[in-house]
Amino acid sequence: MYAQEEVKNWIMIKLFRRGYIGHRLLDFDDFGKKIDKNSLLRALKELHSEGIIIKKPSLRSSKGRFSLNSKMKVKWEQIVMDNIRKGL
């Protein structure tokens, strides 16, 4: 339904706008119902392997909790700002 890059951009923007940077983590189940869970999980795994997202274990969900990696701010900040300006 959505392209993988669009899903990855949506994830980064959602985490940025809600303030999930560094130690503050968002549970997988709290991402919402806008995107189906399989494509969301695939995009999160790709972002985690690129080092953009931090993944921690969760007691509520077996998928984990996620936040933007504050050490890789240079990498994700430009992508987020460009997409926000476009109106995503």
PDB file of N, CA and C in Angstrom:
ATOM      1  N   MET A   1       0.822  -1.184   0.000  1.00  0.00           N
ATOM      2  CA  MET A   1       0.000   0.000   0.000  1.00  0.00           C
ATOM      3  C   MET A   1       0.874   1.259   0.000  1.00  0.00           C
ATOM      4  N   TYR A   2       1.781   1.379   0.923  1.00  0.00           N
ATOM      5  CA  TYR A   2       2.695   2.507   0.974  1.00  0.00           C
ATOM      6  C   TYR A   2       4.082   2.030   0.562  1.00  0.00           C
ATOM      7  N   ALA A   3       4.855   2.938  -0.043  1.00  0.00           N
ATOM      8  CA  ALA A   3       6.241   2.619  -0.354  1.00  0.00           C
ATOM      9  C   ALA A   3       7.040   2.581   0.946  1.00  0.00           C
ATOM     10  N   GLN A   4       8.073   1.779   0.949  1.00  0.00           N
ATOM     11  CA  GLN A   4       8.864   1.592   2.162  1.00  0.00           C
ATOM     12  C   GLN A   4       9.504   2.897   2.639  1.00  0.00           C
ATOM     13  N   GLU A   5       9.953   3.734   1.709  1.00  0.00           N
ATOM     14  CA  GLU A   5      10.562   5.015   2.093  1.00  0.00           C
ATOM     15  C   GLU A   5       9.539   5.944   2.739  1.00  0.00           C
ATOM     16  N   GLU A   6       8.296   5.919   2.245  1.00  0.00           N
ATOM     17  CA  GLU A   6       7.247   6.742   2.848  1.00  0.00           C
ATOM     18  C   GLU A   6       6.961   6.302   4.279  1.00  0.00           C
ATOM     19  N   VAL A   7       6.956   5.012   4.509  1.00  0.00           N
ATOM     20  CA  VAL A   7       6.703   4.482   5.852  1.00  0.00           C
ATOM     21  C   VAL A   7       7.839   4.884   6.781  1.00  0.00           C
ATOM     22  N   LYS A   8       9.078   4.766   6.308  1.00  0.00           N
ATOM     23  CA  LYS A   8      10.225   5.147   7.133  1.00  0.00           C
ATOM     24  C   LYS A   8      10.195   6.640   7.467  1.00  0.00           C
ATOM     25  N   ASN A   9       9.843   7.469   6.493  1.00  0.00           N
ATOM     26  CA  ASN A   9       9.735   8.911   6.747  1.00  0.00           C
ATOM     27  C   ASN A   9       8.618   9.200   7.737  1.00  0.00           C
ATOM     28  N   TRP A  10       7.481   8.520   7.595  1.00  0.00           N
ATOM     29  CA  TRP A  10       6.356   8.715   8.506  1.00  0.00           C
ATOM     30  C   TRP A  10       6.747   8.350   9.938  1.00  0.00           C
ATOM     31  N   ILE A  11       7.499   7.264  10.099  1.00  0.00           N
ATOM     32  CA  ILE A  11       7.948   6.837  11.432  1.00  0.00           C
ATOM     33  C   ILE A  11       8.854   7.890  12.054  1.00  0.00           C
ATOM     34  N   MET A  12       9.827   8.365  11.279  1.00  0.00           N
ATOM     35  CA  MET A  12      10.759   9.364  11.816  1.00  0.00           C
ATOM     36  C   MET A  12      10.041  10.651  12.197  1.00  0.00           C
ATOM     37  N   ILE A  13       9.087  11.089  11.378  1.00  0.00           N
ATOM     38  CA  ILE A  13       8.340  12.309  11.679  1.00  0.00           C
ATOM     39  C   ILE A  13       7.475  12.116  12.914  1.00  0.00           C
ATOM     40  N   LYS A  14       6.826  10.969  13.027  1.00  0.00           N
ATOM     41  CA  LYS A  14       5.969  10.712  14.189  1.00  0.00           C
ATOM     42  C   LYS A  14       6.797  10.724  15.475  1.00  0.00           C
ATOM     43  N   LEU A  15       7.940  10.058  15.459  1.00  0.00           N
ATOM     44  CA  LEU A  15       8.786  10.033  16.648  1.00  0.00           C
ATOM     45  C   LEU A  15       9.319  11.427  16.973  1.00  0.00           C
ATOM     46  N   PHE A  16       9.684  12.189  15.959  1.00  0.00           N
ATOM     47  CA  PHE A  16      10.209  13.537  16.175  1.00  0.00           C
ATOM     48  C   PHE A  16       9.143  14.468  16.738  1.00  0.00           C
ATOM     49  N   ARG A  17       7.961  14.471  16.143  1.00  0.00           N
ATOM     50  CA  ARG A  17       6.898  15.383  16.584  1.00  0.00           C
ATOM     51  C   ARG A  17       6.417  15.072  17.998  1.00  0.00           C
ATOM     52  N   ARG A  18       6.440  13.822  18.381  1.00  0.00           N
ATOM     53  CA  ARG A  18       5.980  13.441  19.718  1.00  0.00           C
ATOM     54  C   ARG A  18       7.096  13.502  20.758  1.00  0.00           C
ATOM     55  N   GLY A  19       8.324  13.747  20.326  1.00  0.00           N
ATOM     56  CA  GLY A  19       9.430  13.909  21.264  1.00  0.00           C
ATOM     57  C   GLY A  19      10.075  12.614  21.708  1.00  0.00           C
ATOM     58  N   TYR A  20       9.975  11.563  20.895  1.00  0.00           N
ATOM     59  CA  TYR A  20      10.594  10.292  21.244  1.00  0.00           C
ATOM     60  C   TYR A  20      12.020  10.263  20.695  1.00  0.00           C
ATOM     61  N   ILE A  21      12.904  10.941  21.429  1.00  0.00           N
ATOM     62  CA  ILE A  21      14.311  11.041  21.049  1.00  0.00           C
ATOM     63  C   ILE A  21      15.134  10.618  22.257  1.00  0.00           C
ATOM     64  N   GLY A  22      16.059   9.714  22.052  1.00  0.00           N
ATOM     65  CA  GLY A  22      16.916   9.277  23.148  1.00  0.00           C
ATOM     66  C   GLY A  22      16.252   8.256  24.045  1.00  0.00           C
ATOM     67  N   HIS A  23      16.105   8.588  25.325  1.00  0.00           N
ATOM     68  CA  HIS A  23      15.614   7.625  26.306  1.00  0.00           C
ATOM     69  C   HIS A  23      14.097   7.474  26.333  1.00  0.00           C
ATOM     70  N   ARG A  24      13.364   8.410  25.776  1.00  0.00           N
ATOM     71  CA  ARG A  24      11.902   8.308  25.755  1.00  0.00           C
ATOM     72  C   ARG A  24      11.504   7.381  24.612  1.00  0.00           C
ATOM     73  N   LEU A  25      10.779   6.315  24.918  1.00  0.00           N
ATOM     74  CA  LEU A  25      10.492   5.258  23.951  1.00  0.00           C
ATOM     75  C   LEU A  25       9.002   5.108  23.689  1.00  0.00           C
ATOM     76  N   LEU A  26       8.647   4.812  22.432  1.00  0.00           N
ATOM     77  CA  LEU A  26       7.261   4.573  22.024  1.00  0.00           C
ATOM     78  C   LEU A  26       7.073   3.087  21.787  1.00  0.00           C
ATOM     79  N   ASP A  27       6.055   2.509  22.400  1.00  0.00           N
ATOM     80  CA  ASP A  27       5.763   1.094  22.243  1.00  0.00           C
ATOM     81  C   ASP A  27       5.229   0.824  20.834  1.00  0.00           C
ATOM     82  N   PHE A  28       5.521  -0.352  20.304  1.00  0.00           N
ATOM     83  CA  PHE A  28       5.103  -0.710  18.947  1.00  0.00           C
ATOM     84  C   PHE A  28       3.589  -0.615  18.778  1.00  0.00           C
ATOM     85  N   ASP A  29       2.836  -1.023  19.775  1.00  0.00           N
ATOM     86  CA  ASP A  29       1.381  -1.017  19.679  1.00  0.00           C
ATOM     87  C   ASP A  29       0.793   0.390  19.663  1.00  0.00           C
ATOM     88  N   ASP A  30       1.561   1.392  20.049  1.00  0.00           N
ATOM     89  CA  ASP A  30       1.069   2.769  20.120  1.00  0.00           C
ATOM     90  C   ASP A  30       1.329   3.575  18.851  1.00  0.00           C
ATOM     91  N   PHE A  31       1.842   2.942  17.801  1.00  0.00           N
ATOM     92  CA  PHE A  31       2.087   3.668  16.550  1.00  0.00           C
ATOM     93  C   PHE A  31       0.792   4.046  15.847  1.00  0.00           C
ATOM     94  N   GLY A  32      -0.282   3.343  16.101  1.00  0.00           N
ATOM     95  CA  GLY A  32      -1.569   3.671  15.493  1.00  0.00           C
ATOM     96  C   GLY A  32      -1.949   2.684  14.409  1.00  0.00           C
ATOM     97  N   LYS A  33      -3.044   2.984  13.747  1.00  0.00           N
ATOM     98  CA  LYS A  33      -3.593   2.065  12.752  1.00  0.00           C
ATOM     99  C   LYS A  33      -3.520   2.613  11.342  1.00  0.00           C
ATOM    100  N   LYS A  34      -2.768   3.669  11.110  1.00  0.00           N
ATOM    101  CA  LYS A  34      -2.677   4.272   9.790  1.00  0.00           C
ATOM    102  C   LYS A  34      -1.970   3.339   8.804  1.00  0.00           C
ATOM    103  N   ILE A  35      -0.969   2.627   9.272  1.00  0.00           N
ATOM    104  CA  ILE A  35      -0.169   1.741   8.425  1.00  0.00           C
ATOM    105  C   ILE A  35      -0.260   0.332   8.983  1.00  0.00           C
ATOM    106  N   ASP A  36      -0.327  -0.657   8.055  1.00  0.00           N
ATOM    107  CA  ASP A  36      -0.437  -2.039   8.542  1.00  0.00           C
ATOM    108  C   ASP A  36       0.837  -2.460   9.271  1.00  0.00           C
ATOM    109  N   LYS A  37       0.677  -3.367  10.187  1.00  0.00           N
ATOM    110  CA  LYS A  37       1.743  -3.735  11.131  1.00  0.00           C
ATOM    111  C   LYS A  37       2.949  -4.389  10.452  1.00  0.00           C
ATOM    112  N   ASN A  38       2.730  -5.156   9.377  1.00  0.00           N
ATOM    113  CA  ASN A  38       3.856  -5.827   8.723  1.00  0.00           C
ATOM    114  C   ASN A  38       4.801  -4.835   8.061  1.00  0.00           C
ATOM    115  N   SER A  39       4.268  -3.879   7.301  1.00  0.00           N
ATOM    116  CA  SER A  39       5.142  -2.894   6.657  1.00  0.00           C
ATOM    117  C   SER A  39       5.779  -1.973   7.698  1.00  0.00           C
ATOM    118  N   LEU A  40       5.052  -1.703   8.775  1.00  0.00           N
ATOM    119  CA  LEU A  40       5.601  -0.892   9.858  1.00  0.00           C
ATOM    120  C   LEU A  40       6.783  -1.593  10.516  1.00  0.00           C
ATOM    121  N   LEU A  41       6.634  -2.877  10.784  1.00  0.00           N
ATOM    122  CA  LEU A  41       7.706  -3.649  11.411  1.00  0.00           C
ATOM    123  C   LEU A  41       8.922  -3.755  10.499  1.00  0.00           C
ATOM    124  N   ARG A  42       8.691  -3.946   9.188  1.00  0.00           N
ATOM    125  CA  ARG A  42       9.801  -4.013   8.229  1.00  0.00           C
ATOM    126  C   ARG A  42      10.574  -2.699   8.204  1.00  0.00           C
ATOM    127  N   ALA A  43       9.851  -1.582   8.169  1.00  0.00           N
ATOM    128  CA  ALA A  43      10.494  -0.268   8.139  1.00  0.00           C
ATOM    129  C   ALA A  43      11.267  -0.001   9.428  1.00  0.00           C
ATOM    130  N   LEU A  44      10.700  -0.404  10.564  1.00  0.00           N
ATOM    131  CA  LEU A  44      11.398  -0.219  11.839  1.00  0.00           C
ATOM    132  C   LEU A  44      12.687  -1.042  11.890  1.00  0.00           C
ATOM    133  N   LYS A  45      12.644  -2.251  11.363  1.00  0.00           N
ATOM    134  CA  LYS A  45      13.862  -3.079  11.330  1.00  0.00           C
ATOM    135  C   LYS A  45      14.934  -2.452  10.449  1.00  0.00           C
ATOM    136  N   GLU A  46      14.529  -1.891   9.302  1.00  0.00           N
ATOM    137  CA  GLU A  46      15.494  -1.228   8.424  1.00  0.00           C
ATOM    138  C   GLU A  46      16.104   0.000   9.099  1.00  0.00           C
ATOM    139  N   LEU A  47      15.259   0.806   9.739  1.00  0.00           N
ATOM    140  CA  LEU A  47      15.767   1.995  10.424  1.00  0.00           C
ATOM    141  C   LEU A  47      16.686   1.615  11.583  1.00  0.00           C
ATOM    142  N   HIS A  48      16.377   0.522  12.255  1.00  0.00           N
ATOM    143  CA  HIS A  48      17.234   0.058  13.345  1.00  0.00           C
ATOM    144  C   HIS A  48      18.578  -0.427  12.813  1.00  0.00           C
ATOM    145  N   SER A  49      18.572  -1.127  11.687  1.00  0.00           N
ATOM    146  CA  SER A  49      19.839  -1.605  11.121  1.00  0.00           C
ATOM    147  C   SER A  49      20.687  -0.445  10.592  1.00  0.00           C
ATOM    148  N   GLU A  50      20.047   0.658  10.166  1.00  0.00           N
ATOM    149  CA  GLU A  50      20.779   1.844   9.723  1.00  0.00           C
ATOM    150  C   GLU A  50      21.295   2.674  10.894  1.00  0.00           C
ATOM    151  N   GLY A  51      20.799   2.403  12.096  1.00  0.00           N
ATOM    152  CA  GLY A  51      21.251   3.123  13.273  1.00  0.00           C
ATOM    153  C   GLY A  51      20.454   4.378  13.576  1.00  0.00           C
ATOM    154  N   ILE A  52      19.384   4.620  12.862  1.00  0.00           N
ATOM    155  CA  ILE A  52      18.584   5.824  13.051  1.00  0.00           C
ATOM    156  C   ILE A  52      17.660   5.677  14.252  1.00  0.00           C
ATOM    157  N   ILE A  53      17.226   4.454  14.518  1.00  0.00           N
ATOM    158  CA  ILE A  53      16.269   4.198  15.600  1.00  0.00           C
ATOM    159  C   ILE A  53      16.892   3.279  16.643  1.00  0.00           C
ATOM    160  N   ILE A  54      16.560   3.552  17.905  1.00  0.00           N
ATOM    161  CA  ILE A  54      16.959   2.689  19.016  1.00  0.00           C
ATOM    162  C   ILE A  54      15.793   1.751  19.310  1.00  0.00           C
ATOM    163  N   LYS A  55      16.099   0.482  19.519  1.00  0.00           N
ATOM    164  CA  LYS A  55      15.070  -0.506  19.859  1.00  0.00           C
ATOM    165  C   LYS A  55      15.394  -1.103  21.218  1.00  0.00           C
ATOM    166  N   LYS A  56      14.388  -1.141  22.081  1.00  0.00           N
ATOM    167  CA  LYS A  56      14.529  -1.727  23.421  1.00  0.00           C
ATOM    168  C   LYS A  56      13.422  -2.756  23.619  1.00  0.00           C
ATOM    169  N   PRO A  57      13.624  -3.729  24.484  1.00  0.00           N
ATOM    170  CA  PRO A  57      12.550  -4.698  24.764  1.00  0.00           C
ATOM    171  C   PRO A  57      11.394  -4.042  25.511  1.00  0.00           C
ATOM    172  N   SER A  58      10.228  -4.643  25.382  1.00  0.00           N
ATOM    173  CA  SER A  58       9.028  -4.107  26.015  1.00  0.00           C
ATOM    174  C   SER A  58       8.297  -5.214  26.751  1.00  0.00           C
ATOM    175  N   LEU A  59       7.689  -4.859  27.869  1.00  0.00           N
ATOM    176  CA  LEU A  59       6.881  -5.822  28.605  1.00  0.00           C
ATOM    177  C   LEU A  59       5.496  -5.967  27.985  1.00  0.00           C
ATOM    178  N   ARG A  60       5.008  -4.899  27.361  1.00  0.00           N
ATOM    179  CA  ARG A  60       3.663  -4.904  26.772  1.00  0.00           C
ATOM    180  C   ARG A  60       3.613  -5.571  25.406  1.00  0.00           C
ATOM    181  N   SER A  61       4.615  -5.330  24.581  1.00  0.00           N
ATOM    182  CA  SER A  61       4.609  -5.827  23.212  1.00  0.00           C
ATOM    183  C   SER A  61       5.866  -6.649  22.958  1.00  0.00           C
ATOM    184  N   SER A  62       5.719  -7.705  22.191  1.00  0.00           N
ATOM    185  CA  SER A  62       6.887  -8.526  21.870  1.00  0.00           C
ATOM    186  C   SER A  62       7.756  -7.875  20.797  1.00  0.00           C
ATOM    187  N   LYS A  63       7.229  -6.861  20.114  1.00  0.00           N
ATOM    188  CA  LYS A  63       7.959  -6.183  19.043  1.00  0.00           C
ATOM    189  C   LYS A  63       8.982  -5.188  19.579  1.00  0.00           C
ATOM    190  N   GLY A  64       8.720  -4.583  20.729  1.00  0.00           N
ATOM    191  CA  GLY A  64       9.682  -3.678  21.340  1.00  0.00           C
ATOM    192  C   GLY A  64       9.194  -2.250  21.416  1.00  0.00           C
ATOM    193  N   ARG A  65      10.086  -1.380  21.932  1.00  0.00           N
ATOM    194  CA  ARG A  65       9.849   0.056  22.035  1.00  0.00           C
ATOM    195  C   ARG A  65      10.910   0.765  21.216  1.00  0.00           C
ATOM    196  N   PHE A  66      10.561   1.927  20.648  1.00  0.00           N
ATOM    197  CA  PHE A  66      11.445   2.589  19.698  1.00  0.00           C
ATOM    198  C   PHE A  66      11.554   4.077  19.978  1.00  0.00           C
ATOM    199  N   SER A  67      12.712   4.646  19.621  1.00  0.00           N
ATOM    200  CA  SER A  67      12.899   6.096  19.651  1.00  0.00           C
ATOM    201  C   SER A  67      14.005   6.463  18.665  1.00  0.00           C
ATOM    202  N   LEU A  68      14.083   7.745  18.339  1.00  0.00           N
ATOM    203  CA  LEU A  68      15.143   8.217  17.452  1.00  0.00           C
ATOM    204  C   LEU A  68      16.469   8.220  18.202  1.00  0.00           C
ATOM    205  N   ASN A  69      17.521   7.828  17.523  1.00  0.00           N
ATOM    206  CA  ASN A  69      18.847   7.778  18.113  1.00  0.00           C
ATOM    207  C   ASN A  69      19.425   9.187  18.155  1.00  0.00           C
ATOM    208  N   SER A  70      19.654   9.716  19.336  1.00  0.00           N
ATOM    209  CA  SER A  70      20.158  11.081  19.464  1.00  0.00           C
ATOM    210  C   SER A  70      21.600  11.207  18.970  1.00  0.00           C
ATOM    211  N   LYS A  71      22.333  10.103  18.928  1.00  0.00           N
ATOM    212  CA  LYS A  71      23.712  10.139  18.431  1.00  0.00           C
ATOM    213  C   LYS A  71      23.765  10.248  16.911  1.00  0.00           C
ATOM    214  N   MET A  72      22.673   9.889  16.235  1.00  0.00           N
ATOM    215  CA  MET A  72      22.617   9.950  14.774  1.00  0.00           C
ATOM    216  C   MET A  72      21.731  11.102  14.303  1.00  0.00           C
ATOM    217  N   LYS A  73      21.665  12.167  15.076  1.00  0.00           N
ATOM    218  CA  LYS A  73      20.779  13.292  14.784  1.00  0.00           C
ATOM    219  C   LYS A  73      21.062  13.909  13.421  1.00  0.00           C
ATOM    220  N   VAL A  74      22.318  13.976  13.039  1.00  0.00           N
ATOM    221  CA  VAL A  74      22.691  14.559  11.751  1.00  0.00           C
ATOM    222  C   VAL A  74      22.047  13.770  10.608  1.00  0.00           C
ATOM    223  N   LYS A  75      21.944  12.471  10.780  1.00  0.00           N
ATOM    224  CA  LYS A  75      21.415  11.602   9.728  1.00  0.00           C
ATOM    225  C   LYS A  75      19.910  11.768   9.531  1.00  0.00           C
ATOM    226  N   TRP A  76      19.143  11.840  10.608  1.00  0.00           N
ATOM    227  CA  TRP A  76      17.686  11.875  10.476  1.00  0.00           C
ATOM    228  C   TRP A  76      17.084  13.267  10.496  1.00  0.00           C
ATOM    229  N   GLU A  77      17.809  14.253  11.020  1.00  0.00           N
ATOM    230  CA  GLU A  77      17.235  15.589  11.169  1.00  0.00           C
ATOM    231  C   GLU A  77      16.895  16.237   9.828  1.00  0.00           C
ATOM    232  N   GLN A  78      17.763  16.123   8.855  1.00  0.00           N
ATOM    233  CA  GLN A  78      17.515  16.736   7.544  1.00  0.00           C
ATOM    234  C   GLN A  78      16.331  16.071   6.845  1.00  0.00           C
ATOM    235  N   ILE A  79      16.225  14.757   6.942  1.00  0.00           N
ATOM    236  CA  ILE A  79      15.107  14.032   6.324  1.00  0.00           C
ATOM    237  C   ILE A  79      13.786  14.478   6.941  1.00  0.00           C
ATOM    238  N   VAL A  80      13.754  14.578   8.247  1.00  0.00           N
ATOM    239  CA  VAL A  80      12.527  14.975   8.953  1.00  0.00           C
ATOM    240  C   VAL A  80      12.132  16.402   8.583  1.00  0.00           C
ATOM    241  N   MET A  81      13.066  17.322   8.591  1.00  0.00           N
ATOM    242  CA  MET A  81      12.745  18.717   8.297  1.00  0.00           C
ATOM    243  C   MET A  81      12.277  18.899   6.856  1.00  0.00           C
ATOM    244  N   ASP A  82      12.894  18.196   5.908  1.00  0.00           N
ATOM    245  CA  ASP A  82      12.460  18.297   4.506  1.00  0.00           C
ATOM    246  C   ASP A  82      11.041  17.773   4.340  1.00  0.00           C
ATOM    247  N   ASN A  83      10.709  16.669   4.982  1.00  0.00           N
ATOM    248  CA  ASN A  83       9.374  16.095   4.866  1.00  0.00           C
ATOM    249  C   ASN A  83       8.328  16.932   5.576  1.00  0.00           C
ATOM    250  N   ILE A  84       8.680  17.567   6.673  1.00  0.00           N
ATOM    251  CA  ILE A  84       7.738  18.440   7.356  1.00  0.00           C
ATOM    252  C   ILE A  84       7.428  19.658   6.481  1.00  0.00           C
ATOM    253  N   ARG A  85       8.458  20.191   5.812  1.00  0.00           N
ATOM    254  CA  ARG A  85       8.237  21.329   4.912  1.00  0.00           C
ATOM    255  C   ARG A  85       7.344  20.951   3.736  1.00  0.00           C
ATOM    256  N   LYS A  86       7.466  19.698   3.249  1.00  0.00           N
ATOM    257  CA  LYS A  86       6.626  19.233   2.140  1.00  0.00           C
ATOM    258  C   LYS A  86       5.176  19.051   2.577  1.00  0.00           C
ATOM    259  N   GLY A  87       4.978  18.849   3.863  1.00  0.00           N
ATOM    260  CA  GLY A  87       3.618  18.698   4.365  1.00  0.00           C
ATOM    261  C   GLY A  87       3.234  17.262   4.644  1.00  0.00           C
ATOM    262  N   LEU A  88       4.193  16.395   4.869  1.00  0.00           N
ATOM    263  CA  LEU A  88       3.888  14.985   5.173  1.00  0.00           C
ATOM    264  C   LEU A  88       3.374  14.834   6.573  1.00  0.00           C
TER     265      LEU A  88
END
